[in-house]
C-alpha atoms as a PDB file:
ATOM      1  CA  MET A   1      78.802  37.220  80.185  1.00  0.00           C
ATOM      2  CA  MET A   2      77.234  40.655  81.580  1.00  0.00           C
ATOM      3  CA  VAL A   3      76.151  40.714  84.756  1.00  0.00           C
ATOM      4  CA  ILE A   4      73.829  43.162  85.444  1.00  0.00           C
ATOM      5  CA  GLY A   5      73.630  45.139  89.036  1.00  0.00           C
ATOM      6  CA  ILE A   6      70.888  46.773  90.791  1.00  0.00           C
ATOM      7  CA  ASP A   7      70.436  49.341  93.090  1.00  0.00           C
ATOM      8  CA  ALA A   8      66.722  48.914  94.871  1.00  0.00           C
ATOM      9  CA  HIS A   9      64.774  51.613  96.204  1.00  0.00           C
ATOM     10  CA  LYS A  10      61.289  51.486  97.287  1.00  0.00           C
ATOM     11  CA  ARG A  11      60.268  54.128  94.254  1.00  0.00           C
ATOM     12  CA  THR A  12      63.321  53.100  91.627  1.00  0.00           C
ATOM     13  CA  HIS A  13      65.937  50.273  90.074  1.00  0.00           C
ATOM     14  CA  THR A  14      68.565  51.518  88.957  1.00  0.00           C
ATOM     15  CA  ALA A  15      70.460  49.140  86.880  1.00  0.00           C
ATOM     16  CA  VAL A  16      74.071  48.960  85.515  1.00  0.00           C
ATOM     17  CA  SER A  17      75.533  46.214  82.650  1.00  0.00           C
ATOM     18  CA  ALA A  18      79.358  45.597  83.256  1.00  0.00           C
ATOM     19  CA  ASP A  19      81.414  42.968  81.265  1.00  0.00           C
ATOM     20  CA  GLU A  20      82.971  40.292  82.349  1.00  0.00           C
ATOM     21  CA  LEU A  21      86.053  42.169  83.656  1.00  0.00           C
ATOM     22  CA  GLY A  22      83.604  44.781  85.679  1.00  0.00           C
ATOM     23  CA  ARG A  23      83.682  47.529  83.054  1.00  0.00           C
ATOM     24  CA  LYS A  24      80.428  49.434  82.649  1.00  0.00           C
ATOM     25  CA  LEU A  25      78.315  49.238  79.606  1.00  0.00           C
ATOM     26  CA  SER A  26      74.752  50.692  80.169  1.00  0.00           C
ATOM     27  CA  THR A  27      72.663  51.953  82.852  1.00  0.00           C
ATOM     28  CA  LYS A  28      68.614  52.119  82.982  1.00  0.00           C
ATOM     29  CA  THR A  29      66.534  53.776  85.785  1.00  0.00           C
ATOM     30  CA  VAL A  30      62.842  52.303  85.776  1.00  0.00           C
ATOM     31  CA  GLY A  31      60.405  52.730  88.601  1.00  0.00           C
ATOM     32  CA  THR A  32      59.346  49.204  90.987  1.00  0.00           C
ATOM     33  CA  THR A  33      56.101  47.942  89.381  1.00  0.00           C
ATOM     34  CA  SER A  34      56.002  44.421  87.319  1.00  0.00           C
ATOM     35  CA  THR A  35      55.226  46.866  84.361  1.00  0.00           C
ATOM     36  CA  ASP A  36      58.510  48.282  85.093  1.00  0.00           C
ATOM     37  CA  HIS A  37      60.158  45.125  85.679  1.00  0.00           C
ATOM     38  CA  LEU A  38      59.448  44.205  81.689  1.00  0.00           C
ATOM     39  CA  ALA A  39      60.653  46.934  80.753  1.00  0.00           C
ATOM     40  CA  LEU A  40      64.246  46.336  82.330  1.00  0.00           C
ATOM     41  CA  LEU A  41      63.754  42.994  80.987  1.00  0.00           C
ATOM     42  CA  LYS A  42      63.288  44.550  77.705  1.00  0.00           C
ATOM     43  CA  TRP A  43      66.433  46.709  78.210  1.00  0.00           C
ATOM     44  CA  ALA A  44      68.638  43.513  79.111  1.00  0.00           C
ATOM     45  CA  ARG A  45      67.638  41.397  76.241  1.00  0.00           C
ATOM     46  CA  ALA A  46      68.559  44.419  74.022  1.00  0.00           C
ATOM     47  CA  GLN A  47      72.072  44.145  74.986  1.00  0.00           C
ATOM     48  CA  PRO A  48      74.603  42.937  72.607  1.00  0.00           C
ATOM     49  CA  ASP A  49      75.721  40.016  75.327  1.00  0.00           C
ATOM     50  CA  PRO A  50      72.507  37.339  75.732  1.00  0.00           C
ATOM     51  CA  GLU A  51      74.143  35.764  78.326  1.00  0.00           C
ATOM     52  CA  ARG A  52      73.401  37.371  81.770  1.00  0.00           C
ATOM     53  CA  LEU A  53      73.347  37.074  85.153  1.00  0.00           C
ATOM     54  CA  TRP A  54      70.792  39.670  87.321  1.00  0.00           C
ATOM     55  CA  ALA A  55      72.660  40.977  91.025  1.00  0.00           C
ATOM     56  CA  LEU A  56      70.391  42.459  93.367  1.00  0.00           C
ATOM     57  CA  GLU A  57      71.383  43.929  97.202  1.00  0.00           C
ATOM     58  CA  ASP A  58      70.459  41.781  99.601  1.00  0.00           C
ATOM     59  CA  CYS A  59      67.325  43.542 101.046  1.00  0.00           C
ATOM     60  CA  ARG A  60      64.363  41.799 100.142  1.00  0.00           C
ATOM     61  CA  ASN A  61      61.892  44.172 101.502  1.00  0.00           C
ATOM     62  CA  MET A  62      63.168  46.055  97.901  1.00  0.00           C
ATOM     63  CA  THR A  63      63.667  43.329  95.704  1.00  0.00           C
ATOM     64  CA  ARG A  64      61.403  40.844  96.236  1.00  0.00           C
ATOM     65  CA  ARG A  65      59.131  41.323  93.470  1.00  0.00           C
ATOM     66  CA  LEU A  66      61.912  42.233  91.035  1.00  0.00           C
ATOM     67  CA  GLU A  67      63.387  38.893  92.635  1.00  0.00           C
ATOM     68  CA  SER A  68      60.086  37.063  91.369  1.00  0.00           C
ATOM     69  CA  ASP A  69      59.628  38.611  88.380  1.00  0.00           C
ATOM     70  CA  LEU A  70      62.890  38.158  86.767  1.00  0.00           C
ATOM     71  CA  ILE A  71      63.101  34.029  88.227  1.00  0.00           C
ATOM     72  CA  ALA A  72      59.285  33.982  86.674  1.00  0.00           C
ATOM     73  CA  ALA A  73      61.003  35.260  83.327  1.00  0.00           C
ATOM     74  CA  GLY A  74      63.399  32.384  83.646  1.00  0.00           C
ATOM     75  CA  GLU A  75      66.655  34.953  84.469  1.00  0.00           C
ATOM     76  CA  ARG A  76      69.692  33.700  86.644  1.00  0.00           C
ATOM     77  CA  VAL A  77      69.593  35.777  89.851  1.00  0.00           C
ATOM     78  CA  VAL A  78      72.035  36.414  92.933  1.00  0.00           C
ATOM     79  CA  ARG A  79      71.874  38.053  95.931  1.00  0.00           C
ATOM     80  CA  VAL A  80      74.636  40.110  96.923  1.00  0.00           C
ATOM     81  CA  PRO A  81      75.414  40.941 100.836  1.00  0.00           C
ATOM     82  CA  PRO A  82      75.488  44.483 101.616  1.00  0.00           C
ATOM     83  CA  LYS A  83      78.668  44.381 103.177  1.00  0.00           C
ATOM     84  CA  LEU A  84      80.859  43.436  99.593  1.00  0.00           C
ATOM     85  CA  MET A  85      78.712  45.889  97.682  1.00  0.00           C
ATOM     86  CA  ALA A  86      80.381  48.589  99.967  1.00  0.00           C
ATOM     87  CA  HIS A  87      84.255  47.166  99.398  1.00  0.00           C
ATOM     88  CA  ALA A  88      83.190  46.858  96.103  1.00  0.00           C
ATOM     89  CA  ARG A  89      82.541  50.725  96.221  1.00  0.00           C
ATOM     90  CA  ASP A  90      85.142  51.488  98.150  1.00  0.00           C
ATOM     91  CA  SER A  91      88.075  49.956  96.296  1.00  0.00           C
ATOM     92  CA  ALA A  92      86.800  51.903  93.312  1.00  0.00           C
ATOM     93  CA  ARG A  93      88.397  54.569  91.153  1.00  0.00           C
ATOM     94  CA  THR A  94      85.197  56.673  91.135  1.00  0.00           C
ATOM     95  CA  TYR A  95      84.859  58.779  93.725  1.00  0.00           C
ATOM     96  CA  GLY A  96      81.128  60.074  95.609  1.00  0.00           C
ATOM     97  CA  LYS A  97      77.487  58.002  96.213  1.00  0.00           C
ATOM     98  CA  SER A  98      74.772  57.656  93.721  1.00  0.00           C
ATOM     99  CA  ASP A  99      72.384  54.891  92.300  1.00  0.00           C
ATOM    100  CA  PRO A 100      74.842  54.041  89.369  1.00  0.00           C
ATOM    101  CA  ILE A 101      77.679  54.036  91.118  1.00  0.00           C
ATOM    102  CA  ASP A 102      75.934  51.559  93.895  1.00  0.00           C
ATOM    103  CA  ALA A 103      74.336  49.137  91.409  1.00  0.00           C
ATOM    104  CA  LEU A 104      77.888  49.144  89.482  1.00  0.00           C
ATOM    105  CA  ALA A 105      80.042  48.117  92.450  1.00  0.00           C
ATOM    106  CA  ILE A 106      76.954  45.517  93.187  1.00  0.00           C
ATOM    107  CA  ALA A 107      78.080  44.428  89.853  1.00  0.00           C
ATOM    108  CA  ARG A 108      81.456  43.884  90.384  1.00  0.00           C
ATOM    109  CA  ALA A 109      80.930  42.192  93.424  1.00  0.00           C
ATOM    110  CA  ALA A 110      78.791  39.532  91.716  1.00  0.00           C
ATOM    111  CA  LEU A 111      81.556  39.528  89.645  1.00  0.00           C
ATOM    112  CA  ARG A 112      84.717  39.044  92.222  1.00  0.00           C
ATOM    113  CA  GLU A 113      82.302  36.138  94.384  1.00  0.00           C
ATOM    114  CA  PRO A 114      81.522  33.151  91.860  1.00  0.00           C
ATOM    115  CA  ASP A 115      79.277  31.281  95.341  1.00  0.00           C
ATOM    116  CA  LEU A 116      77.016  33.962  95.898  1.00  0.00           C
ATOM    117  CA  PRO A 117      73.646  32.573  97.456  1.00  0.00           C
ATOM    118  CA  VAL A 118      70.856  32.449  94.480  1.00  0.00           C
ATOM    119  CA  ALA A 119      67.641  34.152  94.470  1.00  0.00           C
ATOM    120  CA  ARG A 120      64.289  31.899  94.102  1.00  0.00           C
ATOM    121  CA  LEU A 121      60.507  32.423  94.814  1.00  0.00           C
ATOM    122  CA  ASP A 122      59.118  32.740  98.146  1.00  0.00           C
ATOM    123  CA  GLY A 123      57.874  29.015  99.933  1.00  0.00           C
ATOM    124  CA  VAL A 124      57.748  28.484 104.189  1.00  0.00           C
ATOM    125  CA  GLU A 125      60.970  30.110 104.860  1.00  0.00           C
ATOM    126  CA  ARG A 126      59.431  33.541 104.026  1.00  0.00           C
ATOM    127  CA  GLU A 127      55.835  32.717 105.545  1.00  0.00           C
ATOM    128  CA  LEU A 128      57.467  31.883 108.562  1.00  0.00           C
ATOM    129  CA  ARG A 129      60.115  34.579 108.889  1.00  0.00           C
ATOM    130  CA  LEU A 130      57.135  37.049 107.935  1.00  0.00           C
ATOM    131  CA  LEU A 131      55.081  35.805 111.274  1.00  0.00           C
ATOM    132  CA  VAL A 132      58.194  35.734 113.504  1.00  0.00           C
ATOM    133  CA  ASP A 133      59.089  39.126 112.979  1.00  0.00           C
ATOM    134  CA  HIS A 134      55.517  40.131 113.645  1.00  0.00           C
ATOM    135  CA  ARG A 135      55.859  38.443 116.566  1.00  0.00           C
ATOM    136  CA  GLU A 136      59.051  40.294 117.464  1.00  0.00           C
ATOM    137  CA  ASP A 137      57.283  43.431 116.850  1.00  0.00           C
ATOM    138  CA  LEU A 138      54.423  42.002 119.089  1.00  0.00           C
ATOM    139  CA  VAL A 139      56.608  41.809 122.116  1.00  0.00           C
ATOM    140  CA  ALA A 140      58.507  44.815 121.368  1.00  0.00           C
ATOM    141  CA  GLU A 141      55.450  46.712 121.511  1.00  0.00           C
ATOM    142  CA  ARG A 142      54.251  45.513 124.860  1.00  0.00           C
ATOM    143  CA  THR A 143      57.716  45.993 126.230  1.00  0.00           C
ATOM    144  CA  ARG A 144      57.316  49.780 125.745  1.00  0.00           C
ATOM    145  CA  VAL A 145      53.765  49.756 127.176  1.00  0.00           C
ATOM    146  CA  ILE A 146      54.996  48.068 130.479  1.00  0.00           C
ATOM    147  CA  ALA A 147      57.683  50.665 130.425  1.00  0.00           C
ATOM    148  CA  ARG A 148      54.762  53.272 130.557  1.00  0.00           C
ATOM    149  CA  LEU A 149      52.937  51.542 132.764  1.00  0.00           C
ATOM    150  CA  ARG A 150      55.837  51.068 135.391  1.00  0.00           C
ATOM    151  CA  TRP A 151      55.972  54.690 135.463  1.00  0.00           C
ATOM    152  CA  HIS A 152      52.216  55.650 136.116  1.00  0.00           C
ATOM    153  CA  LEU A 153      52.465  52.851 138.718  1.00  0.00           C
ATOM    154  CA  HIS A 154      55.857  54.564 140.409  1.00  0.00           C
ATOM    155  CA  GLU A 155      53.886  57.831 139.883  1.00  0.00           C
ATOM    156  CA  LEU A 156      50.925  56.808 141.934  1.00  0.00           C
ATOM    157  CA  ASP A 157      52.621  54.972 144.900  1.00  0.00           C
ATOM    158  CA  PRO A 158      56.448  54.752 144.814  1.00  0.00           C
ATOM    159  CA  GLY A 159      56.264  52.483 147.955  1.00  0.00           C
ATOM    160  CA  TRP A 160      54.078  49.674 145.606  1.00  0.00           C
ATOM    161  CA  LEU A 161      56.176  46.877 144.249  1.00  0.00           C
ATOM    162  CA  PRO A 162      54.795  46.076 141.083  1.00  0.00           C
ATOM    163  CA  PRO A 163      55.506  42.182 140.054  1.00  0.00           C
ATOM    164  CA  GLY A 164      58.493  41.266 138.424  1.00  0.00           C
ATOM    165  CA  LYS A 165      57.784  40.267 135.019  1.00  0.00           C
ATOM    166  CA  LEU A 166      54.643  41.679 133.986  1.00  0.00           C
ATOM    167  CA  GLU A 167      53.895  39.736 130.948  1.00  0.00           C
ATOM    168  CA  ARG A 168      51.469  37.466 132.306  1.00  0.00           C
ATOM    169  CA  ALA A 169      47.588  37.301 133.038  1.00  0.00           C
ATOM    170  CA  SER A 170      48.170  37.448 136.913  1.00  0.00           C
ATOM    171  CA  ALA A 171      50.496  39.900 136.902  1.00  0.00           C
ATOM    172  CA  TYR A 172      47.677  42.038 135.089  1.00  0.00           C
ATOM    173  CA  ASP A 173      45.170  40.896 137.578  1.00  0.00           C
ATOM    174  CA  ARG A 174      47.438  42.256 140.496  1.00  0.00           C
ATOM    175  CA  VAL A 175      47.741  45.284 138.956  1.00  0.00           C
ATOM    176  CA  ALA A 176      44.648  45.613 138.208  1.00  0.00           C
ATOM    177  CA  ALA A 177      43.412  45.430 141.691  1.00  0.00           C
ATOM    178  CA  HIS A 178      45.791  47.713 143.164  1.00  0.00           C
ATOM    179  CA  LEU A 179      45.271  50.366 140.522  1.00  0.00           C
ATOM    180  CA  ALA A 180      40.916  49.803 142.130  1.00  0.00           C
ATOM    181  CA  GLN A 181      41.679  52.085 144.543  1.00  0.00           C
ATOM    182  CA  PHE A 182      43.042  54.858 143.607  1.00  0.00           C
ATOM    183  CA  ASP A 183      40.032  57.183 141.464  1.00  0.00           C
ATOM    184  CA  GLU A 184      42.669  59.250 139.311  1.00  0.00           C
ATOM    185  CA  PHE A 185      43.551  60.461 135.700  1.00  0.00           C
ATOM    186  CA  VAL A 186      46.583  59.108 135.893  1.00  0.00           C
ATOM    187  CA  ALA A 187      45.121  55.027 137.270  1.00  0.00           C
ATOM    188  CA  ARG A 188      42.790  54.934 134.119  1.00  0.00           C
ATOM    189  CA  LEU A 189      45.312  55.692 132.072  1.00  0.00           C
ATOM    190  CA  ALA A 190      47.294  52.483 133.653  1.00  0.00           C
ATOM    191  CA  MET A 191      44.174  50.614 133.570  1.00  0.00           C
ATOM    192  CA  THR A 192      44.082  51.565 129.418  1.00  0.00           C
ATOM    193  CA  LEU A 193      47.749  50.378 129.322  1.00  0.00           C
ATOM    194  CA  ILE A 194      47.297  46.583 131.099  1.00  0.00           C
ATOM    195  CA  HIS A 195      44.002  46.378 128.152  1.00  0.00           C
ATOM    196  CA  HIS A 196      46.824  46.765 125.692  1.00  0.00           C
ATOM    197  CA  CYS A 197      48.793  44.713 126.902  1.00  0.00           C
ATOM    198  CA  ARG A 198      46.602  41.984 127.667  1.00  0.00           C
ATOM    199  CA  ARG A 199      45.445  42.134 124.210  1.00  0.00           C
ATOM    200  CA  LEU A 200      48.702  42.054 122.946  1.00  0.00           C
ATOM    201  CA  THR A 201      50.246  39.092 125.128  1.00  0.00           C
ATOM    202  CA  VAL A 202      46.892  36.732 123.668  1.00  0.00           C
ATOM    203  CA  GLU A 203      48.247  37.766 120.319  1.00  0.00           C
ATOM    204  CA  ILE A 204      51.986  37.247 120.698  1.00  0.00           C
ATOM    205  CA  ASP A 205      50.834  33.536 122.541  1.00  0.00           C
ATOM    206  CA  GLU A 206      48.549  32.370 119.555  1.00  0.00           C
ATOM    207  CA  LEU A 207      51.294  33.682 117.246  1.00  0.00           C
ATOM    208  CA  ALA A 208      53.748  31.288 118.842  1.00  0.00           C
ATOM    209  CA  GLY A 209      51.639  28.553 118.533  1.00  0.00           C
ATOM    210  CA  GLU A 210      51.195  28.790 115.430  1.00  0.00           C
ATOM    211  CA  ILE A 211      55.021  29.012 114.532  1.00  0.00           C
ATOM    212  CA  GLY A 212      55.558  25.992 116.687  1.00  0.00           C
ATOM    213  CA  GLU A 213      52.575  23.921 114.645  1.00  0.00           C
ATOM    214  CA  ARG A 214      54.258  25.040 111.313  1.00  0.00           C
ATOM    215  CA  VAL A 215      57.581  24.319 112.393  1.00  0.00           C
ATOM    216  CA  GLN A 216      56.917  20.912 114.087  1.00  0.00           C
ATOM    217  CA  GLN A 217      55.574  19.828 110.428  1.00  0.00           C
ATOM    218  CA  ILE A 218      58.861  21.226 108.366  1.00  0.00           C
ATOM    219  CA  ALA A 219      61.506  21.309 110.345  1.00  0.00           C
ATOM    220  CA  PRO A 220      61.246  17.635 112.966  1.00  0.00           C
ATOM    221  CA  SER A 221      65.274  17.680 112.630  1.00  0.00           C
ATOM    222  CA  LEU A 222      65.720  21.017 113.438  1.00  0.00           C
ATOM    223  CA  LEU A 223      63.556  20.915 116.423  1.00  0.00           C
ATOM    224  CA  ALA A 224      65.521  17.450 117.707  1.00  0.00           C
ATOM    225  CA  ILE A 225      68.633  19.141 118.435  1.00  0.00           C
ATOM    226  CA  VAL A 226      69.155  19.754 122.171  1.00  0.00           C
ATOM    227  CA  GLY A 227      68.512  23.787 123.078  1.00  0.00           C
ATOM    228  CA  CYS A 228      66.686  24.750 119.342  1.00  0.00           C
ATOM    229  CA  ALA A 229      63.338  25.522 120.877  1.00  0.00           C
ATOM    230  CA  ALA A 230      60.347  26.028 118.075  1.00  0.00           C
ATOM    231  CA  LEU A 231      60.941  30.111 118.194  1.00  0.00           C
ATOM    232  CA  THR A 232      64.432  29.529 118.115  1.00  0.00           C
ATOM    233  CA  ALA A 233      64.397  27.144 115.022  1.00  0.00           C
ATOM    234  CA  ALA A 234      61.792  29.286 113.060  1.00  0.00           C
ATOM    235  CA  LYS A 235      64.071  32.457 112.973  1.00  0.00           C
ATOM    236  CA  ILE A 236      66.985  29.707 111.492  1.00  0.00           C
ATOM    237  CA  ILE A 237      64.616  28.942 108.903  1.00  0.00           C
ATOM    238  CA  GLY A 238      63.403  31.823 108.059  1.00  0.00           C
ATOM    239  CA  GLU A 239      66.431  33.920 107.964  1.00  0.00           C
ATOM    240  CA  THR A 240      68.491  30.961 105.947  1.00  0.00           C
ATOM    241  CA  ALA A 241      65.636  31.165 103.518  1.00  0.00           C
ATOM    242  CA  GLY A 242      66.231  28.012 101.861  1.00  0.00           C
ATOM    243  CA  VAL A 243      69.022  25.636 103.170  1.00  0.00           C
ATOM    244  CA  ASP A 244      69.629  24.283  99.198  1.00  0.00           C
ATOM    245  CA  ARG A 245      71.381  27.942  98.482  1.00  0.00           C
ATOM    246  CA  PHE A 246      74.521  27.082 100.220  1.00  0.00           C
ATOM    247  CA  ARG A 247      76.938  24.792  98.339  1.00  0.00           C
ATOM    248  CA  SER A 248      78.206  23.363 101.389  1.00  0.00           C
ATOM    249  CA  LYS A 249      78.086  23.695 105.342  1.00  0.00           C
ATOM    250  CA  ASP A 250      81.374  25.922 105.539  1.00  0.00           C
ATOM    251  CA  ALA A 251      79.557  28.292 103.179  1.00  0.00           C
ATOM    252  CA  PHE A 252      76.385  27.670 105.392  1.00  0.00           C
ATOM    253  CA  ALA A 253      78.852  29.376 108.334  1.00  0.00           C
ATOM    254  CA  ARG A 254      80.501  31.693 106.703  1.00  0.00           C
ATOM    255  CA  HIS A 255      76.777  32.900 105.953  1.00  0.00           C
ATOM    256  CA  ASN A 256      75.741  32.979 109.847  1.00  0.00           C
ATOM    257  CA  GLY A 257      78.911  34.345 110.828  1.00  0.00           C
ATOM    258  CA  SER A 258      80.305  30.743 112.580  1.00  0.00           C
ATOM    259  CA  ALA A 259      83.342  30.378 110.782  1.00  0.00           C
ATOM    260  CA  PRO A 260      86.030  31.912 112.274  1.00  0.00           C
ATOM    261  CA  LEU A 261      88.091  35.091 111.073  1.00  0.00           C
ATOM    262  CA  PRO A 262      92.569  34.432 110.280  1.00  0.00           C
ATOM    263  CA  VAL A 263      93.848  37.017 112.061  1.00  0.00           C
ATOM    264  CA  TRP A 264      97.820  36.284 111.694  1.00  0.00           C
ATOM    265  CA  SER A 265     100.564  36.964 110.068  1.00  0.00           C
ATOM    266  CA  SER A 266     104.456  35.256 109.660  1.00  0.00           C
ATOM    267  CA  ASN A 267     104.358  31.141 111.708  1.00  0.00           C
ATOM    268  CA  ARG A 268     101.842  32.012 114.339  1.00  0.00           C
ATOM    269  CA  ALA A 269      98.060  30.576 112.288  1.00  0.00           C
ATOM    270  CA  ARG A 270      95.388  32.300 114.759  1.00  0.00           C
ATOM    271  CA  HIS A 271      91.614  33.182 114.286  1.00  0.00           C
ATOM    272  CA  ARG A 272      89.350  35.281 115.957  1.00  0.00           C
ATOM    273  CA  LEU A 273      85.433  35.330 116.620  1.00  0.00           C
ATOM    274  CA  SER A 274      83.746  36.727 113.394  1.00  0.00           C
ATOM    275  CA  ARG A 275      81.698  39.914 113.789  1.00  0.00           C
ATOM    276  CA  THR A 276      80.388  39.364 109.937  1.00  0.00           C
ATOM    277  CA  GLY A 277      77.483  37.305 108.717  1.00  0.00           C
ATOM    278  CA  ASN A 278      74.005  37.336 109.047  1.00  0.00           C
ATOM    279  CA  ARG A 279      73.498  38.777 113.259  1.00  0.00           C
ATOM    280  CA  GLN A 280      69.883  36.802 113.479  1.00  0.00           C
ATOM    281  CA  LEU A 281      71.475  34.042 112.845  1.00  0.00           C
ATOM    282  CA  ASN A 282      74.302  34.025 114.787  1.00  0.00           C
ATOM    283  CA  ALA A 283      72.278  34.676 117.760  1.00  0.00           C
ATOM    284  CA  ALA A 284      69.937  31.720 117.247  1.00  0.00           C
ATOM    285  CA  LEU A 285      73.247  29.640 117.438  1.00  0.00           C
ATOM    286  CA  HIS A 286      74.071  31.397 120.520  1.00  0.00           C
ATOM    287  CA  ARG A 287      71.177  30.692 122.130  1.00  0.00           C
ATOM    288  CA  ILE A 288      71.374  27.022 121.643  1.00  0.00           C
ATOM    289  CA  ALA A 289      74.927  26.818 122.128  1.00  0.00           C
ATOM    290  CA  LEU A 290      74.777  28.576 125.572  1.00  0.00           C
ATOM    291  CA  THR A 291      71.529  25.942 126.508  1.00  0.00           C
ATOM    292  CA  GLN A 292      73.959  23.240 125.434  1.00  0.00           C
ATOM    293  CA  ALA A 293      76.699  24.368 127.467  1.00  0.00           C
ATOM    294  CA  ARG A 294      74.258  23.847 130.501  1.00  0.00           C
ATOM    295  CA  CYS A 295      72.832  21.125 129.808  1.00  0.00           C
ATOM    296  CA  HIS A 296      74.415  18.784 127.095  1.00  0.00           C
ATOM    297  CA  PRO A 297      76.941  16.222 127.554  1.00  0.00           C
ATOM    298  CA  GLY A 298      79.184  17.105 124.281  1.00  0.00           C
ATOM    299  CA  ALA A 299      78.538  20.553 124.451  1.00  0.00           C
ATOM    300  CA  ARG A 300      80.326  20.132 128.280  1.00  0.00           C
ATOM    301  CA  ALA A 301      82.766  18.209 127.196  1.00  0.00           C
ATOM    302  CA  LEU A 302      83.795  20.021 123.960  1.00  0.00           C
ATOM    303  CA  LEU A 303      84.009  22.974 126.177  1.00  0.00           C
ATOM    304  CA  ALA A 304      85.916  21.508 128.814  1.00  0.00           C
ATOM    305  CA  LYS A 305      88.656  20.260 126.396  1.00  0.00           C
ATOM    306  CA  ARG A 306      89.031  23.435 124.318  1.00  0.00           C
ATOM    307  CA  LYS A 307      89.229  25.389 128.134  1.00  0.00           C
ATOM    308  CA  ALA A 308      92.189  22.944 129.308  1.00  0.00           C
ATOM    309  CA  LYS A 309      94.223  23.669 126.418  1.00  0.00           C
ATOM    310  CA  GLY A 310      94.221  26.929 126.870  1.00  0.00           C
ATOM    311  CA  ASP A 311      91.659  28.653 125.303  1.00  0.00           C
ATOM    312  CA  GLY A 312      89.119  31.413 127.093  1.00  0.00           C
ATOM    313  CA  GLY A 313      85.419  31.531 127.321  1.00  0.00           C
ATOM    314  CA  MET A 314      84.181  32.777 124.021  1.00  0.00           C
ATOM    315  CA  GLU A 315      87.063  31.219 121.972  1.00  0.00           C
ATOM    316  CA  ALA A 316      85.395  27.904 123.331  1.00  0.00           C
ATOM    317  CA  LEU A 317      82.313  29.005 122.657  1.00  0.00           C
ATOM    318  CA  ARG A 318      82.833  30.140 119.315  1.00  0.00           C
ATOM    319  CA  ILE A 319      84.037  26.783 118.586  1.00  0.00           C
ATOM    320  CA  LEU A 320      80.988  24.655 119.584  1.00  0.00           C
ATOM    321  CA  LYS A 321      79.063  27.509 117.734  1.00  0.00           C
ATOM    322  CA  ARG A 322      81.246  26.227 114.614  1.00  0.00           C
ATOM    323  CA  ARG A 323      79.979  23.000 115.788  1.00  0.00           C
ATOM    324  CA  LEU A 324      76.381  24.056 115.917  1.00  0.00           C
ATOM    325  CA  SER A 325      76.370  25.668 112.473  1.00  0.00           C
ATOM    326  CA  ASP A 326      76.815  22.084 110.813  1.00  0.00           C
ATOM    327  CA  VAL A 327      74.644  20.556 113.246  1.00  0.00           C
ATOM    328  CA  VAL A 328      72.058  22.687 112.016  1.00  0.00           C
ATOM    329  CA  TYR A 329      73.006  22.595 108.285  1.00  0.00           C
ATOM    330  CA  HIS A 330      72.732  18.772 107.765  1.00  0.00           C
ATOM    331  CA  ALA A 331      69.498  19.021 109.869  1.00  0.00           C
ATOM    332  CA  MET A 332      68.081  21.446 107.760  1.00  0.00           C
ATOM    333  CA  ILE A 333      69.034  19.603 104.625  1.00  0.00           C
ATOM    334  CA  ALA A 334      67.638  16.521 106.324  1.00  0.00           C
ATOM    335  CA  ASP A 335      64.100  18.050 106.581  1.00  0.00           C
ATOM    336  CA  LEU A 336      64.257  19.468 103.410  1.00  0.00           C
ATOM    337  CA  ASP A 337      64.776  16.585 101.543  1.00  0.00           C
ATOM    338  CA  HIS A 338      61.694  14.823 104.159  1.00  0.00           C
ATOM    339  CA  ARG A 339      59.853  17.544 102.633  1.00  0.00           C
ATOM    340  CA  SER A 340      61.319  16.659  99.036  1.00  0.00           C
ATOM    341  CA  ALA A 341      60.275  12.975  99.529  1.00  0.00           C
ATOM    342  CA  GLU A 342      56.445  13.785 100.870  1.00  0.00           C
ATOM    343  CA  THR A 343      55.918  16.016  98.094  1.00  0.00           C
ATOM    344  CA  PRO A 344      54.004  14.363  95.044  1.00  0.00           C
ATOM    345  CA  THR A 345      55.345  13.944  91.518  1.00  0.00           C
ATOM    346  CA  ALA A 346      53.223  14.839  88.732  1.00  0.00           C
ATOM    347  CA  ALA A 347      52.427  12.676  86.601  1.00  0.00           C
END
């Protein structure tokens, strides 16, 4: 079997084909339009080996169109995490860094790891991810605006303490009433920032409502997990990008970084917290774990049991997150089965 590794950029895609032993066969560089992708496909089909696998570095903003075109043409495509590609490049005998070197490293990583996530056409998961990312961008922008507003308020009246949280309409009303007594240029700028914050808050709330409605329709089992609210569920769905692409709950745990890493030699088996995997998914699991540690009897009992055995707080929390990863996986599988059952089959 031939593996074609792709090093993707905004303007070009570099492809390197390799045989089953990882030996470089040929190289092709094309643009990033669908017409360019057709030329890349013709080049691949002209190779001597008819059986091929496309390996793309998992950077979906760069490779989404290429993935869609290849899948529509009936090709097999897998996604290679950047860390695997980096390790494959470092272990090669070729020094330096270039697009062909990176593409060959991606192909070799795909050969070395036979169970990589399979790419597929985008669905509701991508729409949720875009909505969540857009909301997070607006929240970050509002945070920056509030920081500038606080400096203007301090300049106008250092003795006046603004409300602790400037993300609410009532807080904006109090600040606006305070600024009304000043007739200065800085006060006018501060009022402009308040209007900007109001608009951002309205957009953020509207997005949160839309996200909540979508999640309620497609992920009721995920929402039923204690500590998993709509925004957390949307983050999990968007970052997972299709739970059915993972062969098991253990593969999903490895992907989200909740699977422990072995760190031992000799006769004593020992594991530690993993710093690998999708950190956005890991953060979502962490939020659920912290909530359950406060109010869920089962989680509290597990933490108490682990601490009684000598585990530290973070080690006990790691074990809870690993259990939660399995719970989240099974909930997403249940939601997927429910959606599949509701989808009418063609006659």
